[in-house]
PDB file of N, CA and C in Angstrom:
ATOM      1  N   MET A   1      83.521 122.544 179.877  1.00  0.00           N
ATOM      2  CA  MET A   1      84.334 122.151 180.997  1.00  0.00           C
ATOM      3  C   MET A   1      83.951 120.727 181.396  1.00  0.00           C
ATOM      4  N   PRO A   2      84.899 119.799 181.454  1.00  0.00           N
ATOM      5  CA  PRO A   2      84.599 118.424 181.848  1.00  0.00           C
ATOM      6  C   PRO A   2      84.078 118.342 183.283  1.00  0.00           C
ATOM      7  N   THR A   3      83.078 117.511 183.475  1.00  0.00           N
ATOM      8  CA  THR A   3      82.492 117.288 184.783  1.00  0.00           C
ATOM      9  C   THR A   3      82.201 115.812 184.948  1.00  0.00           C
ATOM     10  N   GLU A   4      82.636 115.213 186.030  1.00  0.00           N
ATOM     11  CA  GLU A   4      82.332 113.808 186.295  1.00  0.00           C
ATOM     12  C   GLU A   4      80.872 113.700 186.729  1.00  0.00           C
ATOM     13  N   ILE A   5      80.143 112.753 186.131  1.00  0.00           N
ATOM     14  CA  ILE A   5      78.738 112.565 186.470  1.00  0.00           C
ATOM     15  C   ILE A   5      78.477 111.081 186.713  1.00  0.00           C
ATOM     16  N   GLY A   6      77.384 110.796 187.369  1.00  0.00           N
ATOM     17  CA  GLY A   6      77.015 109.421 187.682  1.00  0.00           C
ATOM     18  C   GLY A   6      76.115 108.806 186.618  1.00  0.00           C
ATOM     19  N   ARG A   7      75.835 107.545 186.803  1.00  0.00           N
ATOM     20  CA  ARG A   7      75.027 106.762 185.855  1.00  0.00           C
ATOM     21  C   ARG A   7      73.649 107.374 185.608  1.00  0.00           C
ATOM     22  N   ASP A   8      72.974 107.823 186.669  1.00  0.00           N
ATOM     23  CA  ASP A   8      71.636 108.396 186.501  1.00  0.00           C
ATOM     24  C   ASP A   8      71.671 109.659 185.647  1.00  0.00           C
ATOM     25  N   GLU A   9      72.689 110.487 185.860  1.00  0.00           N
ATOM     26  CA  GLU A   9      72.823 111.713 185.063  1.00  0.00           C
ATOM     27  C   GLU A   9      73.134 111.378 183.611  1.00  0.00           C
ATOM     28  N   VAL A  10      73.951 110.354 183.383  1.00  0.00           N
ATOM     29  CA  VAL A  10      74.240 109.918 182.012  1.00  0.00           C
ATOM     30  C   VAL A  10      72.944 109.493 181.327  1.00  0.00           C
ATOM     31  N   ARG A  11      72.151 108.696 182.001  1.00  0.00           N
ATOM     32  CA  ARG A  11      70.863 108.256 181.431  1.00  0.00           C
ATOM     33  C   ARG A  11      69.980 109.451 181.082  1.00  0.00           C
ATOM     34  N   ARG A  12      69.902 110.403 181.999  1.00  0.00           N
ATOM     35  CA  ARG A  12      69.075 111.587 181.764  1.00  0.00           C
ATOM     36  C   ARG A  12      69.567 112.362 180.545  1.00  0.00           C
ATOM     37  N   LEU A  13      70.874 112.540 180.445  1.00  0.00           N
ATOM     38  CA  LEU A  13      71.447 113.267 179.313  1.00  0.00           C
ATOM     39  C   LEU A  13      71.208 112.531 177.993  1.00  0.00           C
ATOM     40  N   ILE A  14      71.393 111.208 177.989  1.00  0.00           N
ATOM     41  CA  ILE A  14      71.179 110.419 176.774  1.00  0.00           C
ATOM     42  C   ILE A  14      69.717 110.497 176.349  1.00  0.00           C
ATOM     43  N   GLU A  15      68.813 110.367 177.304  1.00  0.00           N
ATOM     44  CA  GLU A  15      67.383 110.476 176.988  1.00  0.00           C
ATOM     45  C   GLU A  15      67.053 111.850 176.421  1.00  0.00           C
ATOM     46  N   GLY A  16      67.822 112.855 176.819  1.00  0.00           N
ATOM     47  CA  GLY A  16      67.617 114.213 176.334  1.00  0.00           C
ATOM     48  C   GLY A  16      68.352 114.530 175.041  1.00  0.00           C
ATOM     49  N   GLY A  17      69.027 113.527 174.463  1.00  0.00           N
ATOM     50  CA  GLY A  17      69.670 113.726 173.170  1.00  0.00           C
ATOM     51  C   GLY A  17      71.170 113.928 173.193  1.00  0.00           C
ATOM     52  N   ALA A  18      71.820 113.679 174.329  1.00  0.00           N
ATOM     53  CA  ALA A  18      73.279 113.839 174.395  1.00  0.00           C
ATOM     54  C   ALA A  18      73.968 112.816 173.506  1.00  0.00           C
ATOM     55  N   GLN A  19      75.161 113.152 173.069  1.00  0.00           N
ATOM     56  CA  GLN A  19      75.986 112.271 172.241  1.00  0.00           C
ATOM     57  C   GLN A  19      76.968 111.539 173.143  1.00  0.00           C
ATOM     58  N   LEU A  20      77.146 110.255 172.895  1.00  0.00           N
ATOM     59  CA  LEU A  20      78.056 109.424 173.676  1.00  0.00           C
ATOM     60  C   LEU A  20      79.334 109.191 172.899  1.00  0.00           C
ATOM     61  N   VAL A  21      80.467 109.459 173.508  1.00  0.00           N
ATOM     62  CA  VAL A  21      81.761 109.244 172.853  1.00  0.00           C
ATOM     63  C   VAL A  21      82.588 108.290 173.703  1.00  0.00           C
ATOM     64  N   GLU A  22      82.950 107.153 173.133  1.00  0.00           N
ATOM     65  CA  GLU A  22      83.823 106.153 173.768  1.00  0.00           C
ATOM     66  C   GLU A  22      85.250 106.452 173.345  1.00  0.00           C
ATOM     67  N   VAL A  23      86.162 106.601 174.308  1.00  0.00           N
ATOM     68  CA  VAL A  23      87.533 107.002 173.979  1.00  0.00           C
ATOM     69  C   VAL A  23      88.575 105.881 174.057  1.00  0.00           C
ATOM     70  N   LEU A  24      88.136 104.648 174.244  1.00  0.00           N
ATOM     71  CA  LEU A  24      89.075 103.531 174.194  1.00  0.00           C
ATOM     72  C   LEU A  24      89.525 103.303 172.759  1.00  0.00           C
ATOM     73  N   PRO A  25      90.632 102.592 172.549  1.00  0.00           N
ATOM     74  CA  PRO A  25      91.075 102.275 171.183  1.00  0.00           C
ATOM     75  C   PRO A  25      89.974 101.554 170.393  1.00  0.00           C
ATOM     76  N   ALA A  26      90.018 101.692 169.071  1.00  0.00           N
ATOM     77  CA  ALA A  26      88.966 101.167 168.197  1.00  0.00           C
ATOM     78  C   ALA A  26      88.712  99.678 168.394  1.00  0.00           C
ATOM     79  N   ASP A  27      89.763  98.882 168.578  1.00  0.00           N
ATOM     80  CA  ASP A  27      89.554  97.444 168.741  1.00  0.00           C
ATOM     81  C   ASP A  27      88.777  97.137 170.019  1.00  0.00           C
ATOM     82  N   GLN A  28      89.007  97.897 171.064  1.00  0.00           N
ATOM     83  CA  GLN A  28      88.258  97.700 172.309  1.00  0.00           C
ATOM     84  C   GLN A  28      86.831  98.213 172.174  1.00  0.00           C
ATOM     85  N   TYR A  29      86.641  99.259 171.399  1.00  0.00           N
ATOM     86  CA  TYR A  29      85.295  99.753 171.116  1.00  0.00           C
ATOM     87  C   TYR A  29      84.484  98.656 170.437  1.00  0.00           C
ATOM     88  N   GLU A  30      85.086  97.974 169.480  1.00  0.00           N
ATOM     89  CA  GLU A  30      84.396  96.915 168.749  1.00  0.00           C
ATOM     90  C   GLU A  30      83.985  95.764 169.665  1.00  0.00           C
ATOM     91  N   GLU A  31      84.793  95.480 170.688  1.00  0.00           N
ATOM     92  CA  GLU A  31      84.490  94.395 171.615  1.00  0.00           C
ATOM     93  C   GLU A  31      83.229  94.681 172.417  1.00  0.00           C
ATOM     94  N   ALA A  32      83.103  95.874 172.922  1.00  0.00           N
ATOM     95  CA  ALA A  32      81.955  96.225 173.767  1.00  0.00           C
ATOM     96  C   ALA A  32      81.871  97.735 173.920  1.00  0.00           C
ATOM     97  N   HIS A  33      80.732  98.277 173.565  1.00  0.00           N
ATOM     98  CA  HIS A  33      80.484  99.704 173.761  1.00  0.00           C
ATOM     99  C   HIS A  33      79.000  99.912 174.019  1.00  0.00           C
ATOM    100  N   LEU A  34      78.662 101.048 174.538  1.00  0.00           N
ATOM    101  CA  LEU A  34      77.261 101.359 174.799  1.00  0.00           C
ATOM    102  C   LEU A  34      76.532 101.618 173.490  1.00  0.00           C
ATOM    103  N   PRO A  35      75.244 101.288 173.437  1.00  0.00           N
ATOM    104  CA  PRO A  35      74.470 101.554 172.215  1.00  0.00           C
ATOM    105  C   PRO A  35      74.552 103.028 171.811  1.00  0.00           C
ATOM    106  N   ARG A  36      74.688 103.266 170.536  1.00  0.00           N
ATOM    107  CA  ARG A  36      74.740 104.605 169.920  1.00  0.00           C
ATOM    108  C   ARG A  36      76.016 105.381 170.244  1.00  0.00           C
ATOM    109  N   ALA A  37      76.990 104.746 170.878  1.00  0.00           N
ATOM    110  CA  ALA A  37      78.244 105.434 171.194  1.00  0.00           C
ATOM    111  C   ALA A  37      79.078 105.620 169.930  1.00  0.00           C
ATOM    112  N   ILE A  38      79.747 106.740 169.857  1.00  0.00           N
ATOM    113  CA  ILE A  38      80.656 107.067 168.763  1.00  0.00           C
ATOM    114  C   ILE A  38      82.072 106.753 169.233  1.00  0.00           C
ATOM    115  N   SER A  39      82.867 106.151 168.397  1.00  0.00           N
ATOM    116  CA  SER A  39      84.245 105.840 168.751  1.00  0.00           C
ATOM    117  C   SER A  39      85.180 106.955 168.298  1.00  0.00           C
ATOM    118  N   ILE A  40      85.803 107.603 169.284  1.00  0.00           N
ATOM    119  CA  ILE A  40      86.887 108.550 169.020  1.00  0.00           C
ATOM    120  C   ILE A  40      87.964 108.247 170.061  1.00  0.00           C
ATOM    121  N   PRO A  41      88.951 107.418 169.706  1.00  0.00           N
ATOM    122  CA  PRO A  41      89.991 107.059 170.669  1.00  0.00           C
ATOM    123  C   PRO A  41      90.656 108.304 171.271  1.00  0.00           C
ATOM    124  N   LEU A  42      90.977 108.227 172.535  1.00  0.00           N
ATOM    125  CA  LEU A  42      91.562 109.354 173.253  1.00  0.00           C
ATOM    126  C   LEU A  42      92.786 109.913 172.541  1.00  0.00           C
ATOM    127  N   THR A  43      93.614 109.036 171.977  1.00  0.00           N
ATOM    128  CA  THR A  43      94.814 109.493 171.283  1.00  0.00           C
ATOM    129  C   THR A  43      94.499 110.239 169.992  1.00  0.00           C
ATOM    130  N   GLU A  44      93.251 110.160 169.535  1.00  0.00           N
ATOM    131  CA  GLU A  44      92.839 110.835 168.304  1.00  0.00           C
ATOM    132  C   GLU A  44      91.836 111.950 168.564  1.00  0.00           C
ATOM    133  N   LEU A  45      91.617 112.280 169.810  1.00  0.00           N
ATOM    134  CA  LEU A  45      90.632 113.290 170.182  1.00  0.00           C
ATOM    135  C   LEU A  45      91.178 114.680 169.878  1.00  0.00           C
ATOM    136  N   LYS A  46      90.711 115.280 168.796  1.00  0.00           N
ATOM    137  CA  LYS A  46      91.145 116.615 168.386  1.00  0.00           C
ATOM    138  C   LYS A  46      90.060 117.253 167.529  1.00  0.00           C
ATOM    139  N   ARG A  47      90.279 118.462 167.120  1.00  0.00           N
ATOM    140  CA  ARG A  47      89.276 119.227 166.380  1.00  0.00           C
ATOM    141  C   ARG A  47      88.744 118.468 165.158  1.00  0.00           C
ATOM    142  N   GLU A  48      89.630 117.855 164.401  1.00  0.00           N
ATOM    143  CA  GLU A  48      89.210 117.167 163.180  1.00  0.00           C
ATOM    144  C   GLU A  48      88.316 115.961 163.474  1.00  0.00           C
ATOM    145  N   THR A  49      88.652 115.189 164.507  1.00  0.00           N
ATOM    146  CA  THR A  49      87.883 113.979 164.789  1.00  0.00           C
ATOM    147  C   THR A  49      86.570 114.270 165.510  1.00  0.00           C
ATOM    148  N   THR A  50      86.483 115.419 166.147  1.00  0.00           N
ATOM    149  CA  THR A  50      85.237 115.768 166.833  1.00  0.00           C
ATOM    150  C   THR A  50      84.309 116.613 165.976  1.00  0.00           C
ATOM    151  N   SER A  51      84.711 116.899 164.750  1.00  0.00           N
ATOM    152  CA  SER A  51      83.889 117.755 163.888  1.00  0.00           C
ATOM    153  C   SER A  51      82.535 117.128 163.558  1.00  0.00           C
ATOM    154  N   ARG A  52      82.419 115.814 163.674  1.00  0.00           N
ATOM    155  CA  ARG A  52      81.125 115.172 163.385  1.00  0.00           C
ATOM    156  C   ARG A  52      80.139 115.287 164.543  1.00  0.00           C
ATOM    157  N   LEU A  53      80.605 115.767 165.691  1.00  0.00           N
ATOM    158  CA  LEU A  53      79.709 115.965 166.822  1.00  0.00           C
ATOM    159  C   LEU A  53      78.878 117.230 166.606  1.00  0.00           C
ATOM    160  N   GLU A  54      77.638 117.166 167.041  1.00  0.00           N
ATOM    161  CA  GLU A  54      76.754 118.326 166.918  1.00  0.00           C
ATOM    162  C   GLU A  54      77.024 119.274 168.082  1.00  0.00           C
ATOM    163  N   ARG A  55      77.401 120.491 167.763  1.00  0.00           N
ATOM    164  CA  ARG A  55      77.814 121.472 168.775  1.00  0.00           C
ATOM    165  C   ARG A  55      76.679 121.921 169.695  1.00  0.00           C
ATOM    166  N   ASP A  56      75.441 121.741 169.281  1.00  0.00           N
ATOM    167  CA  ASP A  56      74.311 122.199 170.092  1.00  0.00           C
ATOM    168  C   ASP A  56      73.745 121.100 170.992  1.00  0.00           C
ATOM    169  N   ARG A  57      74.397 119.927 171.025  1.00  0.00           N
ATOM    170  CA  ARG A  57      73.960 118.823 171.879  1.00  0.00           C
ATOM    171  C   ARG A  57      75.063 118.491 172.875  1.00  0.00           C
ATOM    172  N   PRO A  58      74.688 118.164 174.114  1.00  0.00           N
ATOM    173  CA  PRO A  58      75.703 117.777 175.103  1.00  0.00           C
ATOM    174  C   PRO A  58      76.486 116.556 174.642  1.00  0.00           C
ATOM    175  N   VAL A  59      77.700 116.430 175.132  1.00  0.00           N
ATOM    176  CA  VAL A  59      78.563 115.293 174.806  1.00  0.00           C
ATOM    177  C   VAL A  59      78.966 114.609 176.110  1.00  0.00           C
ATOM    178  N   VAL A  60      78.751 113.295 176.155  1.00  0.00           N
ATOM    179  CA  VAL A  60      79.185 112.490 177.291  1.00  0.00           C
ATOM    180  C   VAL A  60      80.350 111.643 176.800  1.00  0.00           C
ATOM    181  N   VAL A  61      81.522 111.871 177.375  1.00  0.00           N
ATOM    182  CA  VAL A  61      82.724 111.113 177.006  1.00  0.00           C
ATOM    183  C   VAL A  61      82.950 110.071 178.086  1.00  0.00           C
ATOM    184  N   TYR A  62      83.140 108.831 177.658  1.00  0.00           N
ATOM    185  CA  TYR A  62      83.361 107.786 178.649  1.00  0.00           C
ATOM    186  C   TYR A  62      84.415 106.810 178.178  1.00  0.00           C
ATOM    187  N   CYS A  63      84.918 106.060 179.141  1.00  0.00           N
ATOM    188  CA  CYS A  63      85.931 105.051 178.865  1.00  0.00           C
ATOM    189  C   CYS A  63      85.588 103.850 179.725  1.00  0.00           C
ATOM    190  N   TYR A  64      85.118 102.783 179.109  1.00  0.00           N
ATOM    191  CA  TYR A  64      84.796 101.573 179.856  1.00  0.00           C
ATOM    192  C   TYR A  64      86.046 100.739 179.992  1.00  0.00           C
ATOM    193  N   ASP A  65      86.447 100.525 181.219  1.00  0.00           N
ATOM    194  CA  ASP A  65      87.639  99.710 181.479  1.00  0.00           C
ATOM    195  C   ASP A  65      87.256  98.714 182.561  1.00  0.00           C
ATOM    196  N   ALA A  66      87.236  97.447 182.215  1.00  0.00           N
ATOM    197  CA  ALA A  66      86.795  96.402 183.152  1.00  0.00           C
ATOM    198  C   ALA A  66      87.823  96.096 184.244  1.00  0.00           C
ATOM    199  N   GLN A  67      88.954  96.731 184.221  1.00  0.00           N
ATOM    200  CA  GLN A  67      89.986  96.440 185.222  1.00  0.00           C
ATOM    201  C   GLN A  67      89.619  96.975 186.577  1.00  0.00           C
TER     202      GLN A  67
END
């Protein structure tokens, strides 16, 4: 179930081994993304594209938008 979390919780989860998924389009991912983030654009987010995620580790999905 998706849950909005703050920066401190994201840090805690990442330190604990969570996977980071950036959902902006690939070209925007290339411009700037968080270290170790995986690119899965929102329009491509489905069973096939998420199969590389480890099911036993938390997943943090984010979208950096400077607007």
